[in-house]
Protein backbone atom coordinates (compact mmCIF):
# COMPACT_ATOMS: atom_id res chain seq x y z
CA MET A 1 12.21 -13.40 -11.49
CA ILE A 2 12.70 -16.98 -10.42
CA ASP A 3 9.73 -19.31 -10.07
CA GLY A 4 8.45 -19.39 -6.51
CA SER A 5 9.35 -15.78 -5.74
CA PRO A 6 6.24 -13.65 -5.08
CA ARG A 7 5.65 -10.91 -7.61
CA LEU A 8 4.98 -7.54 -5.98
CA GLY A 9 2.74 -4.88 -7.45
CA VAL A 10 2.49 -1.40 -5.92
CA LEU A 11 -0.57 0.85 -6.21
CA ALA A 12 0.63 4.45 -6.01
CA SER A 13 -0.51 8.02 -6.61
CA GLY A 14 0.78 11.53 -6.17
CA ALA A 15 4.41 12.30 -5.36
CA GLY A 16 5.22 8.64 -4.76
CA SER A 17 7.25 9.13 -1.57
CA ILE A 18 6.25 5.72 -0.18
CA LEU A 19 6.92 4.06 -3.53
CA GLY A 20 10.31 5.77 -3.56
CA ALA A 21 11.13 4.36 -0.13
CA ILE A 22 10.18 0.84 -1.29
CA LEU A 23 12.37 1.13 -4.39
CA GLU A 24 15.29 2.69 -2.52
CA ALA A 25 15.19 -0.17 0.00
CA GLY A 26 15.75 -2.60 -2.86
CA VAL A 27 12.41 -4.36 -2.52
CA PRO A 28 11.77 -6.03 -5.91
CA VAL A 29 8.74 -4.40 -7.56
CA ARG A 30 7.29 -6.06 -10.63
CA LEU A 31 4.61 -3.47 -11.48
CA VAL A 32 3.39 -0.03 -10.40
CA VAL A 33 -0.25 0.91 -11.02
CA VAL A 34 -1.29 4.57 -10.81
CA ASP A 35 -4.78 6.02 -11.08
CA ARG A 36 -3.71 9.21 -12.89
CA PRO A 37 -0.56 10.65 -14.48
CA CYS A 38 1.64 11.63 -11.53
CA ALA A 39 5.17 11.79 -10.15
CA ALA A 40 4.88 8.20 -8.90
CA GLU A 41 4.58 7.07 -12.52
CA GLN A 42 7.77 8.90 -13.46
CA LEU A 43 9.56 7.54 -10.39
CA ALA A 44 8.71 3.96 -11.36
CA GLU A 45 9.80 4.48 -14.96
CA SER A 46 13.11 5.96 -13.78
CA ALA A 47 13.68 2.82 -11.71
CA GLY A 48 12.97 0.61 -14.73
CA VAL A 49 9.70 -0.73 -13.30
CA GLU A 50 6.74 -1.38 -15.58
CA VAL A 51 3.84 1.05 -15.08
CA GLU A 52 0.14 0.75 -15.84
CA VAL A 53 -1.90 3.96 -15.79
CA VAL A 54 -5.44 2.89 -14.95
CA THR A 55 -7.01 6.30 -15.31
CA ARG A 56 -9.89 7.23 -13.08
CA GLU A 57 -12.04 9.36 -15.34
CA SER A 58 -14.68 10.42 -12.82
CA PHE A 59 -14.48 11.79 -9.29
CA GLY A 60 -18.23 12.45 -9.05
CA VAL A 61 -21.30 10.50 -8.01
CA ASP A 62 -21.26 8.63 -11.32
CA PHE A 63 -17.94 6.92 -10.48
CA ASP A 64 -18.31 3.16 -10.97
CA ARG A 65 -16.04 1.78 -8.25
CA ASP A 66 -16.68 -1.87 -9.17
CA ALA A 67 -15.83 -1.33 -12.83
CA TYR A 68 -12.71 0.64 -11.94
CA THR A 69 -11.59 -2.04 -9.49
CA ALA A 70 -12.02 -4.66 -12.22
CA ARG A 71 -9.63 -2.67 -14.43
CA VAL A 72 -7.02 -2.51 -11.66
CA VAL A 73 -7.35 -6.25 -11.01
CA ASP A 74 -6.99 -6.92 -14.74
CA ALA A 75 -3.69 -4.99 -14.79
CA LEU A 76 -2.41 -6.94 -11.79
CA LYS A 77 -3.42 -10.29 -13.29
CA ARG A 78 -1.82 -9.54 -16.65
CA HIS A 79 1.48 -9.02 -14.85
CA GLN A 80 0.88 -12.12 -12.67
CA ILE A 81 1.10 -10.15 -9.45
CA ASP A 82 0.95 -12.19 -6.23
CA VAL A 83 1.23 -9.52 -3.51
CA VAL A 84 -0.03 -5.92 -3.60
CA ALA A 85 1.35 -2.99 -1.60
CA MET A 86 -0.72 0.17 -1.30
CA ALA A 87 1.44 3.30 -1.47
CA GLY A 88 -0.84 6.29 -1.14
CA PHE A 89 -3.17 5.09 -3.89
CA GLY A 90 -5.77 7.80 -4.40
CA THR A 91 -8.81 5.59 -5.04
CA VAL A 92 -10.63 3.33 -2.58
CA LEU A 93 -11.20 0.00 -4.31
CA ALA A 94 -14.21 -2.30 -4.17
CA ALA A 95 -14.64 -5.77 -2.68
CA PRO A 96 -13.45 -7.98 -5.59
CA ILE A 97 -9.77 -7.09 -5.17
CA PHE A 98 -9.92 -8.06 -1.49
CA ASP A 99 -11.42 -11.42 -2.44
CA ILE A 100 -8.89 -12.17 -5.19
CA TYR A 101 -5.89 -11.02 -3.15
CA ALA A 102 -7.20 -12.00 0.26
CA GLY A 103 -4.45 -11.70 2.86
CA ARG A 104 -2.00 -10.40 0.26
CA ILE A 105 -2.69 -6.65 0.15
CA LEU A 106 -0.52 -4.57 2.47
CA ASN A 107 -0.92 -0.97 3.58
CA THR A 108 0.55 1.50 6.02
CA HIS A 109 -1.37 3.81 8.37
CA PRO A 110 -0.11 6.85 10.36
CA ALA A 111 -1.30 5.71 13.80
CA LEU A 112 -1.05 2.76 16.14
CA LEU A 113 -4.07 0.78 15.03
CA PRO A 114 -6.70 0.04 16.17
CA SER A 115 -6.55 3.63 17.46
CA PHE A 116 -7.32 6.49 15.08
CA LYS A 117 -8.59 4.71 12.02
CA GLY A 118 -9.57 6.69 8.93
CA TRP A 119 -8.28 9.53 6.83
CA HIS A 120 -7.36 12.00 9.61
CA ALA A 121 -5.36 9.80 11.96
CA VAL A 122 -2.65 12.36 12.78
CA ARG A 123 -5.16 15.15 13.37
CA ASP A 124 -7.29 12.87 15.52
CA ALA A 125 -4.30 11.78 17.62
CA LEU A 126 -3.41 15.40 18.34
CA ALA A 127 -7.01 16.25 19.17
CA ALA A 128 -7.14 13.33 21.62
CA GLY A 129 -4.06 14.61 23.42
CA VAL A 130 -2.13 11.34 23.28
CA LYS A 131 1.56 11.37 24.16
CA VAL A 132 2.49 8.60 21.72
CA THR A 133 1.21 7.67 18.28
CA GLY A 134 3.05 5.97 15.43
CA THR A 135 2.66 3.95 12.28
CA THR A 136 1.18 0.54 11.49
CA VAL A 137 1.74 -1.85 8.60
CA HIS A 138 -1.24 -4.12 8.15
CA VAL A 139 -3.02 -6.46 5.80
CA THR A 140 -5.70 -4.52 3.96
CA THR A 141 -9.30 -5.71 4.00
CA GLU A 142 -12.52 -4.28 2.65
CA GLU A 143 -13.17 -2.81 6.09
CA VAL A 144 -10.85 0.21 6.29
CA ASP A 145 -7.87 -0.07 8.67
CA ALA A 146 -9.19 -3.29 10.20
CA GLY A 147 -6.91 -6.01 8.82
CA PRO A 148 -4.29 -8.02 10.73
CA ILE A 149 -1.36 -5.97 12.01
CA LEU A 150 2.08 -6.96 10.71
CA ALA A 151 4.29 -4.30 12.32
CA GLN A 152 4.04 -1.14 14.42
CA GLU A 153 6.43 1.50 15.68
CA ALA A 154 5.72 4.29 18.13
CA VAL A 155 6.38 8.00 17.54
CA ARG A 156 6.33 10.39 20.47
CA VAL A 157 4.12 13.49 20.25
CA GLU A 158 6.30 16.51 21.07
CA PRO A 159 5.08 19.73 22.75
CA GLY A 160 4.02 22.20 20.10
CA ASP A 161 3.57 19.57 17.40
CA THR A 162 1.32 20.50 14.51
CA GLU A 163 -0.40 18.00 12.27
CA GLU A 164 2.29 18.66 9.66
CA SER A 165 5.31 18.30 11.97
CA LEU A 166 3.99 15.14 13.63
CA HIS A 167 3.02 13.59 10.32
CA GLU A 168 6.49 14.24 8.92
CA ARG A 169 8.14 12.36 11.80
CA ILE A 170 5.68 9.50 11.34
CA LYS A 171 6.51 9.41 7.63
CA GLN A 172 10.22 9.09 8.43
CA VAL A 173 9.50 5.94 10.44
CA GLU A 174 6.99 4.68 7.86
CA ARG A 175 9.50 4.94 5.00
CA ARG A 176 11.79 2.55 6.86
CA LEU A 177 9.27 0.21 8.52
CA TYR A 178 7.03 -0.37 5.50
CA PRO A 179 9.72 -1.60 3.08
CA GLU A 180 11.22 -3.78 5.83
CA THR A 181 7.84 -5.35 6.51
CA ILE A 182 7.05 -5.86 2.84
CA ARG A 183 10.38 -7.64 2.38
CA LEU A 184 9.71 -9.94 5.34
CA PHE A 185 6.20 -10.65 4.08
CA LEU A 186 7.48 -11.56 0.62
CA GLU A 187 10.11 -13.85 2.15
CA SER A 188 7.37 -15.62 4.10
CA GLN A 189 5.43 -16.43 0.93
CA SER A 190 6.05 -19.10 -1.69
CA PHE A 191 4.18 -19.31 -4.98
CA SER A 192 4.81 -22.47 -6.94
CA ASN A 193 2.86 -21.26 -9.95
CA HIS A 194 2.09 -17.83 -11.38
CA THR A 195 -1.20 -18.34 -13.16
CA ASP A 196 -3.40 -15.85 -14.94
CA ASP A 197 -5.96 -15.90 -12.14
CA ASN A 198 -3.34 -15.78 -9.36
CA LYS A 199 -4.39 -19.02 -7.76
CA GLY A 200 -0.89 -20.35 -7.12
CA ALA A 201 -0.57 -21.95 -3.72
CA ALA A 202 0.84 -19.66 -1.03
CA THR A 203 2.55 -20.95 2.05
CA ARG A 204 3.92 -19.20 5.10
């Protein structure tokens, strides 16, 4: 990759459908980090993208979120990642990553933020009886679903929609909008140096 081009890392889990959309759109991905062996890992390997499996060993009360986050950050730094895209990553990360990559972590959410934040956005939209919901691409901050909005697109709620049917239509939009927005974000950034601590100057 040429000097000055931001290096993108993707944090993924599960089936990797969002990761797949990013790769299929031709967005250059330098590294994929997964928190457990999963289909997303295999998808990245098939695309010739380097993968780091940062295994989360505990899902109980003894889980050390800070220590796990430090391991994820270490993987990103070793690959000199400049911009991070969340793609269904199964672990909520702690504050340090949001300090180190401030303004450079992107995520997608299945609602028109700031409405319906949280894990059950599609269910909550249906319960509220709204006629329109959608998807949002935003900058991720430590406060969940509260970062600056980069792009949104509406999806109409149809009569008889279930959570599954509505979510599937939102996903169809998300798989197009998210890669497009990531590409535009990367094009707006310029990193003159890729240093071990990712302190190269970024300009819009």
